Amino acid sequence: MDIIRAIEAEQIKKDLPNIEVGDTVQVYYRIIEGTRERIQVFEGTIIKIQGESSRKTFTVRRLSYGVGVERTFLLNSPRISKLEITRKGKVRRAKLFYLRDRQGKSAKVKGRTNY
């Protein structure tokens, strides 16, 4: 098992910020279409973080034209070119699934000022 942990340790990115559930983030994701490559920004609130080490994933939710869109990203994926935290959130839960049922102001997460 030590061989597997050693391989996983090589694949972990060191330059990522410390993200938490409730944070509003911008994920710069590289999309490959045929021979072309472009970067698409996905901005939303982190509602779930799961896994550990190189298998860590996080789910980002945003509203797009009144429809909720969720996308799960691998934290250490080579396709993520940049990850920016735009706002820190103050939450009391590990998973924010209750945001799926809410719209408008009730779907907002309180901001944290001391970070």
PDB file of N, CA and C in Angstrom:
ATOM      1  N   MET A   1       0.814  -1.198   0.000  1.00  0.00           N
ATOM      2  CA  MET A   1       0.000   0.000   0.000  1.00  0.00           C
ATOM      3  C   MET A   1       0.856   1.260   0.000  1.00  0.00           C
ATOM      4  N   ASP A   2       2.086   1.169   0.450  1.00  0.00           N
ATOM      5  CA  ASP A   2       2.938   2.353   0.468  1.00  0.00           C
ATOM      6  C   ASP A   2       3.263   2.826  -0.941  1.00  0.00           C
ATOM      7  N   ILE A   3       3.288   1.929  -1.894  1.00  0.00           N
ATOM      8  CA  ILE A   3       3.560   2.304  -3.288  1.00  0.00           C
ATOM      9  C   ILE A   3       2.417   3.161  -3.820  1.00  0.00           C
ATOM     10  N   ILE A   4       1.198   2.782  -3.497  1.00  0.00           N
ATOM     11  CA  ILE A   4       0.032   3.543  -3.958  1.00  0.00           C
ATOM     12  C   ILE A   4       0.041   4.932  -3.339  1.00  0.00           C
ATOM     13  N   ARG A   5       0.322   5.023  -2.049  1.00  0.00           N
ATOM     14  CA  ARG A   5       0.371   6.343  -1.388  1.00  0.00           C
ATOM     15  C   ARG A   5       1.478   7.212  -1.964  1.00  0.00           C
ATOM     16  N   ALA A   6       2.595   6.614  -2.336  1.00  0.00           N
ATOM     17  CA  ALA A   6       3.696   7.383  -2.913  1.00  0.00           C
ATOM     18  C   ALA A   6       3.304   7.950  -4.278  1.00  0.00           C
ATOM     19  N   ILE A   7       2.616   7.153  -5.085  1.00  0.00           N
ATOM     20  CA  ILE A   7       2.172   7.629  -6.402  1.00  0.00           C
ATOM     21  C   ILE A   7       1.136   8.730  -6.246  1.00  0.00           C
ATOM     22  N   GLU A   8       0.211   8.564  -5.294  1.00  0.00           N
ATOM     23  CA  GLU A   8      -0.801   9.589  -5.061  1.00  0.00           C
ATOM     24  C   GLU A   8      -0.176  10.889  -4.560  1.00  0.00           C
ATOM     25  N   ALA A   9       0.841  10.796  -3.743  1.00  0.00           N
ATOM     26  CA  ALA A   9       1.490  11.993  -3.203  1.00  0.00           C
ATOM     27  C   ALA A   9       2.152  12.816  -4.313  1.00  0.00           C
ATOM     28  N   GLU A  10       2.622  12.160  -5.376  1.00  0.00           N
ATOM     29  CA  GLU A  10       3.230  12.881  -6.490  1.00  0.00           C
ATOM     30  C   GLU A  10       2.196  13.681  -7.268  1.00  0.00           C
ATOM     31  N   GLN A  11       0.947  13.216  -7.280  1.00  0.00           N
ATOM     32  CA  GLN A  11      -0.078  13.837  -8.106  1.00  0.00           C
ATOM     33  C   GLN A  11      -0.824  14.970  -7.415  1.00  0.00           C
ATOM     34  N   ILE A  12      -0.576  15.200  -6.144  1.00  0.00           N
ATOM     35  CA  ILE A  12      -1.269  16.254  -5.409  1.00  0.00           C
ATOM     36  C   ILE A  12      -0.675  17.609  -5.777  1.00  0.00           C
ATOM     37  N   LYS A  13      -1.563  18.560  -6.120  1.00  0.00           N
ATOM     38  CA  LYS A  13      -1.128  19.923  -6.437  1.00  0.00           C
ATOM     39  C   LYS A  13      -0.817  20.677  -5.151  1.00  0.00           C
ATOM     40  N   LYS A  14       0.231  21.467  -5.170  1.00  0.00           N
ATOM     41  CA  LYS A  14       0.653  22.206  -3.986  1.00  0.00           C
ATOM     42  C   LYS A  14       0.165  23.655  -3.997  1.00  0.00           C
ATOM     43  N   ASP A  15      -0.199  24.186  -5.172  1.00  0.00           N
ATOM     44  CA  ASP A  15      -0.502  25.613  -5.295  1.00  0.00           C
ATOM     45  C   ASP A  15      -1.983  25.949  -5.152  1.00  0.00           C
ATOM     46  N   LEU A  16      -2.802  25.007  -4.681  1.00  0.00           N
ATOM     47  CA  LEU A  16      -4.236  25.256  -4.554  1.00  0.00           C
ATOM     48  C   LEU A  16      -4.567  25.957  -3.239  1.00  0.00           C
ATOM     49  N   PRO A  17      -5.570  26.855  -3.245  1.00  0.00           N
ATOM     50  CA  PRO A  17      -5.974  27.494  -1.988  1.00  0.00           C
ATOM     51  C   PRO A  17      -6.746  26.527  -1.107  1.00  0.00           C
ATOM     52  N   ASN A  18      -6.887  26.872   0.149  1.00  0.00           N
ATOM     53  CA  ASN A  18      -7.610  26.031   1.098  1.00  0.00           C
ATOM     54  C   ASN A  18      -9.103  26.317   0.957  1.00  0.00           C
ATOM     55  N   ILE A  19      -9.815  25.455   0.247  1.00  0.00           N
ATOM     56  CA  ILE A  19     -11.241  25.668   0.027  1.00  0.00           C
ATOM     57  C   ILE A  19     -12.048  24.962   1.100  1.00  0.00           C
ATOM     58  N   GLU A  20     -13.217  25.528   1.407  1.00  0.00           N
ATOM     59  CA  GLU A  20     -14.122  24.957   2.395  1.00  0.00           C
ATOM     60  C   GLU A  20     -15.537  25.017   1.850  1.00  0.00           C
ATOM     61  N   VAL A  21     -16.421  24.253   2.443  1.00  0.00           N
ATOM     62  CA  VAL A  21     -17.827  24.256   2.045  1.00  0.00           C
ATOM     63  C   VAL A  21     -18.412  25.632   2.365  1.00  0.00           C
ATOM     64  N   GLY A  22     -19.170  26.176   1.418  1.00  0.00           N
ATOM     65  CA  GLY A  22     -19.777  27.491   1.582  1.00  0.00           C
ATOM     66  C   GLY A  22     -19.027  28.592   0.863  1.00  0.00           C
ATOM     67  N   ASP A  23     -17.800  28.334   0.438  1.00  0.00           N
ATOM     68  CA  ASP A  23     -17.027  29.339  -0.285  1.00  0.00           C
ATOM     69  C   ASP A  23     -17.560  29.500  -1.701  1.00  0.00           C
ATOM     70  N   THR A  24     -17.501  30.723  -2.205  1.00  0.00           N
ATOM     71  CA  THR A  24     -17.824  30.980  -3.602  1.00  0.00           C
ATOM     72  C   THR A  24     -16.507  30.983  -4.365  1.00  0.00           C
ATOM     73  N   VAL A  25     -16.410  30.130  -5.375  1.00  0.00           N
ATOM     74  CA  VAL A  25     -15.154  29.954  -6.087  1.00  0.00           C
ATOM     75  C   VAL A  25     -15.347  30.138  -7.585  1.00  0.00           C
ATOM     76  N   GLN A  26     -14.241  30.440  -8.252  1.00  0.00           N
ATOM     77  CA  GLN A  26     -14.176  30.444  -9.702  1.00  0.00           C
ATOM     78  C   GLN A  26     -13.218  29.332 -10.093  1.00  0.00           C
ATOM     79  N   VAL A  27     -13.726  28.365 -10.856  1.00  0.00           N
ATOM     80  CA  VAL A  27     -12.914  27.245 -11.309  1.00  0.00           C
ATOM     81  C   VAL A  27     -12.601  27.477 -12.779  1.00  0.00           C
ATOM     82  N   TYR A  28     -11.328  27.642 -13.095  1.00  0.00           N
ATOM     83  CA  TYR A  28     -10.884  27.798 -14.480  1.00  0.00           C
ATOM     84  C   TYR A  28     -10.569  26.405 -15.014  1.00  0.00           C
ATOM     85  N   TYR A  29     -11.466  25.889 -15.856  1.00  0.00           N
ATOM     86  CA  TYR A  29     -11.405  24.494 -16.302  1.00  0.00           C
ATOM     87  C   TYR A  29     -11.069  24.441 -17.783  1.00  0.00           C
ATOM     88  N   ARG A  30     -10.044  23.667 -18.133  1.00  0.00           N
ATOM     89  CA  ARG A  30      -9.640  23.529 -19.526  1.00  0.00           C
ATOM     90  C   ARG A  30     -10.550  22.537 -20.238  1.00  0.00           C
ATOM     91  N   ILE A  31     -11.125  22.968 -21.352  1.00  0.00           N
ATOM     92  CA  ILE A  31     -12.002  22.117 -22.143  1.00  0.00           C
ATOM     93  C   ILE A  31     -11.333  21.878 -23.487  1.00  0.00           C
ATOM     94  N   ILE A  32     -11.273  20.612 -23.894  1.00  0.00           N
ATOM     95  CA  ILE A  32     -10.646  20.241 -25.158  1.00  0.00           C
ATOM     96  C   ILE A  32     -11.750  19.846 -26.122  1.00  0.00           C
ATOM     97  N   GLU A  33     -11.842  20.578 -27.231  1.00  0.00           N
ATOM     98  CA  GLU A  33     -12.835  20.304 -28.270  1.00  0.00           C
ATOM     99  C   GLU A  33     -12.094  19.992 -29.555  1.00  0.00           C
ATOM    100  N   GLY A  34     -11.984  18.710 -29.857  1.00  0.00           N
ATOM    101  CA  GLY A  34     -11.247  18.319 -31.049  1.00  0.00           C
ATOM    102  C   GLY A  34      -9.771  18.631 -30.891  1.00  0.00           C
ATOM    103  N   THR A  35      -9.269  19.530 -31.735  1.00  0.00           N
ATOM    104  CA  THR A  35      -7.858  19.909 -31.661  1.00  0.00           C
ATOM    105  C   THR A  35      -7.662  21.204 -30.876  1.00  0.00           C
ATOM    106  N   ARG A  36      -8.774  21.906 -30.591  1.00  0.00           N
ATOM    107  CA  ARG A  36      -8.663  23.185 -29.890  1.00  0.00           C
ATOM    108  C   ARG A  36      -8.842  23.005 -28.388  1.00  0.00           C
ATOM    109  N   GLU A  37      -8.303  23.946 -27.662  1.00  0.00           N
ATOM    110  CA  GLU A  37      -8.381  23.922 -26.200  1.00  0.00           C
ATOM    111  C   GLU A  37      -8.722  25.324 -25.716  1.00  0.00           C
ATOM    112  N   ARG A  38      -9.668  25.401 -24.763  1.00  0.00           N
ATOM    113  CA  ARG A  38     -10.052  26.700 -24.225  1.00  0.00           C
ATOM    114  C   ARG A  38     -10.291  26.562 -22.726  1.00  0.00           C
ATOM    115  N   ILE A  39     -10.338  27.694 -22.034  1.00  0.00           N
ATOM    116  CA  ILE A  39     -10.581  27.698 -20.592  1.00  0.00           C
ATOM    117  C   ILE A  39     -11.963  28.270 -20.346  1.00  0.00           C
ATOM    118  N   GLN A  40     -12.762  27.537 -19.579  1.00  0.00           N
ATOM    119  CA  GLN A  40     -14.107  27.974 -19.224  1.00  0.00           C
ATOM    120  C   GLN A  40     -14.165  28.188 -17.714  1.00  0.00           C
ATOM    121  N   VAL A  41     -14.768  29.297 -17.310  1.00  0.00           N
ATOM    122  CA  VAL A  41     -14.857  29.634 -15.890  1.00  0.00           C
ATOM    123  C   VAL A  41     -16.217  29.179 -15.377  1.00  0.00           C
ATOM    124  N   PHE A  42     -16.205  28.436 -14.272  1.00  0.00           N
ATOM    125  CA  PHE A  42     -17.437  27.986 -13.619  1.00  0.00           C
ATOM    126  C   PHE A  42     -17.424  28.587 -12.224  1.00  0.00           C
ATOM    127  N   GLU A  43     -18.355  29.499 -11.955  1.00  0.00           N
ATOM    128  CA  GLU A  43     -18.384  30.181 -10.663  1.00  0.00           C
ATOM    129  C   GLU A  43     -19.630  29.785  -9.901  1.00  0.00           C
ATOM    130  N   GLY A  44     -19.454  29.433  -8.637  1.00  0.00           N
ATOM    131  CA  GLY A  44     -20.582  29.063  -7.811  1.00  0.00           C
ATOM    132  C   GLY A  44     -20.146  28.774  -6.383  1.00  0.00           C
ATOM    133  N   THR A  45     -21.078  28.225  -5.605  1.00  0.00           N
ATOM    134  CA  THR A  45     -20.857  27.929  -4.198  1.00  0.00           C
ATOM    135  C   THR A  45     -20.508  26.461  -4.025  1.00  0.00           C
ATOM    136  N   ILE A  46     -19.509  26.183  -3.214  1.00  0.00           N
ATOM    137  CA  ILE A  46     -19.146  24.797  -2.928  1.00  0.00           C
ATOM    138  C   ILE A  46     -20.167  24.225  -1.969  1.00  0.00           C
ATOM    139  N   ILE A  47     -20.850  23.140  -2.385  1.00  0.00           N
ATOM    140  CA  ILE A  47     -21.862  22.541  -1.515  1.00  0.00           C
ATOM    141  C   ILE A  47     -21.398  21.229  -0.906  1.00  0.00           C
ATOM    142  N   LYS A  48     -20.302  20.667  -1.437  1.00  0.00           N
ATOM    143  CA  LYS A  48     -19.855  19.371  -0.926  1.00  0.00           C
ATOM    144  C   LYS A  48     -18.379  19.181  -1.235  1.00  0.00           C
ATOM    145  N   ILE A  49     -17.633  18.642  -0.257  1.00  0.00           N
ATOM    146  CA  ILE A  49     -16.248  18.209  -0.460  1.00  0.00           C
ATOM    147  C   ILE A  49     -16.157  16.794   0.077  1.00  0.00           C
ATOM    148  N   GLN A  50     -15.586  15.903  -0.715  1.00  0.00           N
ATOM    149  CA  GLN A  50     -15.464  14.526  -0.248  1.00  0.00           C
ATOM    150  C   GLN A  50     -14.162  13.919  -0.761  1.00  0.00           C
ATOM    151  N   GLY A  51     -13.772  12.806  -0.172  1.00  0.00           N
ATOM    152  CA  GLY A  51     -12.545  12.123  -0.555  1.00  0.00           C
ATOM    153  C   GLY A  51     -11.353  12.655   0.210  1.00  0.00           C
ATOM    154  N   GLU A  52     -10.212  12.073  -0.101  1.00  0.00           N
ATOM    155  CA  GLU A  52      -8.983  12.504   0.556  1.00  0.00           C
ATOM    156  C   GLU A  52      -7.820  12.353  -0.401  1.00  0.00           C
ATOM    157  N   SER A  53      -6.744  12.998  -0.108  1.00  0.00           N
ATOM    158  CA  SER A  53      -5.490  13.026  -0.871  1.00  0.00           C
ATOM    159  C   SER A  53      -5.742  13.311  -2.342  1.00  0.00           C
ATOM    160  N   SER A  54      -5.313  12.466  -3.245  1.00  0.00           N
ATOM    161  CA  SER A  54      -5.425  12.759  -4.665  1.00  0.00           C
ATOM    162  C   SER A  54      -6.828  12.497  -5.209  1.00  0.00           C
ATOM    163  N   ARG A  55      -7.683  11.840  -4.444  1.00  0.00           N
ATOM    164  CA  ARG A  55      -9.047  11.531  -4.894  1.00  0.00           C
ATOM    165  C   ARG A  55     -10.073  12.533  -4.396  1.00  0.00           C
ATOM    166  N   LYS A  56      -9.639  13.653  -3.882  1.00  0.00           N
ATOM    167  CA  LYS A  56     -10.544  14.641  -3.305  1.00  0.00           C
ATOM    168  C   LYS A  56     -11.349  15.340  -4.398  1.00  0.00           C
ATOM    169  N   THR A  57     -12.669  15.411  -4.197  1.00  0.00           N
ATOM    170  CA  THR A  57     -13.547  16.083  -5.147  1.00  0.00           C
ATOM    171  C   THR A  57     -14.366  17.137  -4.428  1.00  0.00           C
ATOM    172  N   PHE A  58     -14.839  18.122  -5.200  1.00  0.00           N
ATOM    173  CA  PHE A  58     -15.727  19.137  -4.651  1.00  0.00           C
ATOM    174  C   PHE A  58     -16.802  19.447  -5.684  1.00  0.00           C
ATOM    175  N   THR A  59     -18.000  19.744  -5.186  1.00  0.00           N
ATOM    176  CA  THR A  59     -19.145  20.028  -6.043  1.00  0.00           C
ATOM    177  C   THR A  59     -19.497  21.500  -5.919  1.00  0.00           C
ATOM    178  N   VAL A  60     -19.639  22.150  -7.076  1.00  0.00           N
ATOM    179  CA  VAL A  60     -19.945  23.574  -7.133  1.00  0.00           C
ATOM    180  C   VAL A  60     -21.341  23.734  -7.727  1.00  0.00           C
ATOM    181  N   ARG A  61     -22.152  24.585  -7.099  1.00  0.00           N
ATOM    182  CA  ARG A  61     -23.512  24.829  -7.566  1.00  0.00           C
ATOM    183  C   ARG A  61     -23.678  26.297  -7.913  1.00  0.00           C
ATOM    184  N   ARG A  62     -24.372  26.542  -9.022  1.00  0.00           N
ATOM    185  CA  ARG A  62     -24.706  27.910  -9.409  1.00  0.00           C
ATOM    186  C   ARG A  62     -26.053  27.921 -10.099  1.00  0.00           C
ATOM    187  N   LEU A  63     -26.638  29.096 -10.185  1.00  0.00           N
ATOM    188  CA  LEU A  63     -27.893  29.255 -10.908  1.00  0.00           C
ATOM    189  C   LEU A  63     -27.584  29.828 -12.281  1.00  0.00           C
ATOM    190  N   SER A  64     -28.079  29.168 -13.315  1.00  0.00           N
ATOM    191  CA  SER A  64     -27.870  29.610 -14.676  1.00  0.00           C
ATOM    192  C   SER A  64     -29.229  29.771 -15.340  1.00  0.00           C
ATOM    193  N   TYR A  65     -29.640  31.015 -15.570  1.00  0.00           N
ATOM    194  CA  TYR A  65     -30.946  31.333 -16.161  1.00  0.00           C
ATOM    195  C   TYR A  65     -32.083  30.712 -15.356  1.00  0.00           C
ATOM    196  N   GLY A  66     -31.981  30.775 -14.031  1.00  0.00           N
ATOM    197  CA  GLY A  66     -33.026  30.276 -13.164  1.00  0.00           C
ATOM    198  C   GLY A  66     -33.010  28.784 -12.918  1.00  0.00           C
ATOM    199  N   VAL A  67     -32.051  28.077 -13.490  1.00  0.00           N
ATOM    200  CA  VAL A  67     -31.934  26.628 -13.328  1.00  0.00           C
ATOM    201  C   VAL A  67     -30.656  26.335 -12.547  1.00  0.00           C
ATOM    202  N   GLY A  68     -30.769  25.501 -11.512  1.00  0.00           N
ATOM    203  CA  GLY A  68     -29.594  25.134 -10.729  1.00  0.00           C
ATOM    204  C   GLY A  68     -28.710  24.152 -11.482  1.00  0.00           C
ATOM    205  N   VAL A  69     -27.410  24.460 -11.532  1.00  0.00           N
ATOM    206  CA  VAL A  69     -26.443  23.610 -12.222  1.00  0.00           C
ATOM    207  C   VAL A  69     -25.363  23.227 -11.219  1.00  0.00           C
ATOM    208  N   GLU A  70     -25.106  21.931 -11.096  1.00  0.00           N
ATOM    209  CA  GLU A  70     -24.049  21.445 -10.212  1.00  0.00           C
ATOM    210  C   GLU A  70     -23.008  20.723 -11.039  1.00  0.00           C
ATOM    211  N   ARG A  71     -21.768  20.921 -10.659  1.00  0.00           N
ATOM    212  CA  ARG A  71     -20.680  20.255 -11.364  1.00  0.00           C
ATOM    213  C   ARG A  71     -19.659  19.794 -10.340  1.00  0.00           C
ATOM    214  N   THR A  72     -19.190  18.566 -10.495  1.00  0.00           N
ATOM    215  CA  THR A  72     -18.200  17.997  -9.585  1.00  0.00           C
ATOM    216  C   THR A  72     -16.840  18.010 -10.262  1.00  0.00           C
ATOM    217  N   PHE A  73     -15.843  18.489  -9.541  1.00  0.00           N
ATOM    218  CA  PHE A  73     -14.480  18.592 -10.055  1.00  0.00           C
ATOM    219  C   PHE A  73     -13.538  17.765  -9.193  1.00  0.00           C
ATOM    220  N   LEU A  74     -12.537  17.182  -9.813  1.00  0.00           N
ATOM    221  CA  LEU A  74     -11.430  16.577  -9.079  1.00  0.00           C
ATOM    222  C   LEU A  74     -10.490  17.710  -8.664  1.00  0.00           C
ATOM    223  N   LEU A  75     -10.158  17.779  -7.404  1.00  0.00           N
ATOM    224  CA  LEU A  75      -9.350  18.887  -6.908  1.00  0.00           C
ATOM    225  C   LEU A  75      -7.955  18.894  -7.523  1.00  0.00           C
ATOM    226  N   ASN A  76      -7.372  17.734  -7.703  1.00  0.00           N
ATOM    227  CA  ASN A  76      -5.996  17.639  -8.217  1.00  0.00           C
ATOM    228  C   ASN A  76      -5.941  17.334  -9.700  1.00  0.00           C
ATOM    229  N   SER A  77      -7.004  17.618 -10.428  1.00  0.00           N
ATOM    230  CA  SER A  77      -7.047  17.334 -11.859  1.00  0.00           C
ATOM    231  C   SER A  77      -6.115  18.256 -12.629  1.00  0.00           C
ATOM    232  N   PRO A  78      -5.427  17.741 -13.640  1.00  0.00           N
ATOM    233  CA  PRO A  78      -4.597  18.615 -14.478  1.00  0.00           C
ATOM    234  C   PRO A  78      -5.429  19.544 -15.363  1.00  0.00           C
ATOM    235  N   ARG A  79      -6.728  19.279 -15.482  1.00  0.00           N
ATOM    236  CA  ARG A  79      -7.610  20.132 -16.287  1.00  0.00           C
ATOM    237  C   ARG A  79      -7.970  21.433 -15.569  1.00  0.00           C
ATOM    238  N   ILE A  80      -7.856  21.475 -14.253  1.00  0.00           N
ATOM    239  CA  ILE A  80      -8.109  22.722 -13.518  1.00  0.00           C
ATOM    240  C   ILE A  80      -6.848  23.569 -13.607  1.00  0.00           C
ATOM    241  N   SER A  81      -6.957  24.679 -14.343  1.00  0.00           N
ATOM    242  CA  SER A  81      -5.772  25.516 -14.502  1.00  0.00           C
ATOM    243  C   SER A  81      -5.615  26.498 -13.347  1.00  0.00           C
ATOM    244  N   LYS A  82      -6.756  26.955 -12.779  1.00  0.00           N
ATOM    245  CA  LYS A  82      -6.675  27.901 -11.678  1.00  0.00           C
ATOM    246  C   LYS A  82      -7.941  27.779 -10.833  1.00  0.00           C
ATOM    247  N   LEU A  83      -7.813  28.021  -9.541  1.00  0.00           N
ATOM    248  CA  LEU A  83      -8.940  27.970  -8.617  1.00  0.00           C
ATOM    249  C   LEU A  83      -8.856  29.206  -7.728  1.00  0.00           C
ATOM    250  N   GLU A  84      -9.868  30.086  -7.835  1.00  0.00           N
ATOM    251  CA  GLU A  84      -9.861  31.329  -7.070  1.00  0.00           C
ATOM    252  C   GLU A  84     -11.039  31.349  -6.106  1.00  0.00           C
ATOM    253  N   ILE A  85     -10.789  31.775  -4.874  1.00  0.00           N
ATOM    254  CA  ILE A  85     -11.859  31.967  -3.909  1.00  0.00           C
ATOM    255  C   ILE A  85     -12.283  33.429  -3.997  1.00  0.00           C
ATOM    256  N   THR A  86     -13.550  33.663  -4.367  1.00  0.00           N
ATOM    257  CA  THR A  86     -14.026  35.039  -4.476  1.00  0.00           C
ATOM    258  C   THR A  86     -14.681  35.506  -3.182  1.00  0.00           C
ATOM    259  N   ARG A  87     -15.255  34.560  -2.401  1.00  0.00           N
ATOM    260  CA  ARG A  87     -15.931  34.908  -1.159  1.00  0.00           C
ATOM    261  C   ARG A  87     -15.898  33.722  -0.220  1.00  0.00           C
ATOM    262  N   LYS A  88     -15.541  33.969   1.028  1.00  0.00           N
ATOM    263  CA  LYS A  88     -15.575  32.910   2.034  1.00  0.00           C
ATOM    264  C   LYS A  88     -16.966  32.865   2.637  1.00  0.00           C
ATOM    265  N   GLY A  89     -17.465  31.660   2.890  1.00  0.00           N
ATOM    266  CA  GLY A  89     -18.800  31.511   3.434  1.00  0.00           C
ATOM    267  C   GLY A  89     -18.781  31.042   4.873  1.00  0.00           C
ATOM    268  N   LYS A  90     -19.795  31.475   5.627  1.00  0.00           N
ATOM    269  CA  LYS A  90     -19.924  31.072   7.024  1.00  0.00           C
ATOM    270  C   LYS A  90     -21.066  30.069   7.093  1.00  0.00           C
ATOM    271  N   VAL A  91     -20.731  28.791   7.265  1.00  0.00           N
ATOM    272  CA  VAL A  91     -21.737  27.736   7.307  1.00  0.00           C
ATOM    273  C   VAL A  91     -21.522  26.871   8.538  1.00  0.00           C
ATOM    274  N   ARG A  92     -22.565  26.116   8.893  1.00  0.00           N
ATOM    275  CA  ARG A  92     -22.497  25.257  10.069  1.00  0.00           C
ATOM    276  C   ARG A  92     -22.686  23.798   9.707  1.00  0.00           C
ATOM    277  N   ARG A  93     -22.625  23.485   8.435  1.00  0.00           N
ATOM    278  CA  ARG A  93     -22.825  22.110   7.979  1.00  0.00           C
ATOM    279  C   ARG A  93     -21.702  21.698   7.041  1.00  0.00           C
ATOM    280  N   ALA A  94     -21.527  20.400   6.890  1.00  0.00           N
ATOM    281  CA  ALA A  94     -20.494  19.877   6.004  1.00  0.00           C
ATOM    282  C   ALA A  94     -21.008  19.752   4.573  1.00  0.00           C
ATOM    283  N   LYS A  95     -22.304  19.568   4.401  1.00  0.00           N
ATOM    284  CA  LYS A  95     -22.909  19.443   3.075  1.00  0.00           C
ATOM    285  C   LYS A  95     -24.099  20.401   3.008  1.00  0.00           C
ATOM    286  N   LEU A  96     -24.154  21.194   1.948  1.00  0.00           N
ATOM    287  CA  LEU A  96     -25.188  22.222   1.827  1.00  0.00           C
ATOM    288  C   LEU A  96     -26.260  21.819   0.819  1.00  0.00           C
ATOM    289  N   PHE A  97     -26.808  20.622   0.974  1.00  0.00           N
ATOM    290  CA  PHE A  97     -27.809  20.148   0.035  1.00  0.00           C
ATOM    291  C   PHE A  97     -29.123  20.908   0.149  1.00  0.00           C
ATOM    292  N   TYR A  98     -29.351  21.598   1.266  1.00  0.00           N
ATOM    293  CA  TYR A  98     -30.590  22.348   1.427  1.00  0.00           C
ATOM    294  C   TYR A  98     -30.668  23.520   0.453  1.00  0.00           C
ATOM    295  N   LEU A  99     -29.550  23.926  -0.132  1.00  0.00           N
ATOM    296  CA  LEU A  99     -29.565  25.019  -1.108  1.00  0.00           C
ATOM    297  C   LEU A  99     -30.269  24.616  -2.398  1.00  0.00           C
ATOM    298  N   ARG A 100     -30.408  23.320  -2.638  1.00  0.00           N
ATOM    299  CA  ARG A 100     -31.083  22.857  -3.851  1.00  0.00           C
ATOM    300  C   ARG A 100     -32.554  23.239  -3.860  1.00  0.00           C
ATOM    301  N   ASP A 101     -33.170  23.339  -2.688  1.00  0.00           N
ATOM    302  CA  ASP A 101     -34.598  23.642  -2.594  1.00  0.00           C
ATOM    303  C   ASP A 101     -34.881  25.137  -2.503  1.00  0.00           C
ATOM    304  N   ARG A 102     -33.856  25.953  -2.456  1.00  0.00           N
ATOM    305  CA  ARG A 102     -34.052  27.380  -2.220  1.00  0.00           C
ATOM    306  C   ARG A 102     -33.749  28.201  -3.470  1.00  0.00           C
ATOM    307  N   GLN A 103     -34.392  29.376  -3.521  1.00  0.00           N
ATOM    308  CA  GLN A 103     -34.167  30.303  -4.622  1.00  0.00           C
ATOM    309  C   GLN A 103     -34.063  31.706  -4.056  1.00  0.00           C
ATOM    310  N   GLY A 104     -33.447  32.590  -4.795  1.00  0.00           N
ATOM    311  CA  GLY A 104     -33.366  33.987  -4.399  1.00  0.00           C
ATOM    312  C   GLY A 104     -32.454  34.225  -3.212  1.00  0.00           C
ATOM    313  N   LYS A 105     -32.896  35.120  -2.308  1.00  0.00           N
ATOM    314  CA  LYS A 105     -32.057  35.497  -1.176  1.00  0.00           C
ATOM    315  C   LYS A 105     -31.866  34.360  -0.185  1.00  0.00           C
ATOM    316  N   SER A 106     -32.829  33.447  -0.091  1.00  0.00           N
ATOM    317  CA  SER A 106     -32.687  32.349   0.868  1.00  0.00           C
ATOM    318  C   SER A 106     -31.637  31.344   0.432  1.00  0.00           C
ATOM    319  N   ALA A 107     -31.221  31.407  -0.827  1.00  0.00           N
ATOM    320  CA  ALA A 107     -30.190  30.501  -1.334  1.00  0.00           C
ATOM    321  C   ALA A 107     -28.784  31.050  -1.126  1.00  0.00           C
ATOM    322  N   LYS A 108     -28.681  32.233  -0.517  1.00  0.00           N
ATOM    323  CA  LYS A 108     -27.372  32.828  -0.285  1.00  0.00           C
ATOM    324  C   LYS A 108     -26.734  32.248   0.964  1.00  0.00           C
ATOM    325  N   VAL A 109     -25.420  32.260   0.991  1.00  0.00           N
ATOM    326  CA  VAL A 109     -24.645  31.827   2.149  1.00  0.00           C
ATOM    327  C   VAL A 109     -24.048  33.063   2.782  1.00  0.00           C
ATOM    328  N   LYS A 110     -24.136  33.166   4.096  1.00  0.00           N
ATOM    329  CA  LYS A 110     -23.565  34.322   4.784  1.00  0.00           C
ATOM    330  C   LYS A 110     -22.065  34.391   4.535  1.00  0.00           C
ATOM    331  N   GLY A 111     -21.546  35.602   4.450  1.00  0.00           N
ATOM    332  CA  GLY A 111     -20.123  35.792   4.231  1.00  0.00           C
ATOM    333  C   GLY A 111     -19.351  35.844   5.539  1.00  0.00           C
ATOM    334  N   ARG A 112     -18.099  35.424   5.466  1.00  0.00           N
ATOM    335  CA  ARG A 112     -17.227  35.471   6.624  1.00  0.00           C
ATOM    336  C   ARG A 112     -16.274  36.632   6.445  1.00  0.00           C
ATOM    337  N   THR A 113     -16.069  37.416   7.482  1.00  0.00           N
ATOM    338  CA  THR A 113     -15.229  38.598   7.354  1.00  0.00           C
ATOM    339  C   THR A 113     -13.804  38.371   7.850  1.00  0.00           C
ATOM    340  N   ASN A 114     -13.619  37.464   8.799  1.00  0.00           N
ATOM    341  CA  ASN A 114     -12.286  37.238   9.368  1.00  0.00           C
ATOM    342  C   ASN A 114     -11.666  35.962   8.815  1.00  0.00           C
ATOM    343  N   TYR A 115     -10.961  36.082   7.726  1.00  0.00           N
ATOM    344  CA  TYR A 115     -10.258  34.925   7.149  1.00  0.00           C
ATOM    345  C   TYR A 115      -8.928  35.288   6.630  1.00  0.00           C
TER     346      TYR A 115
END
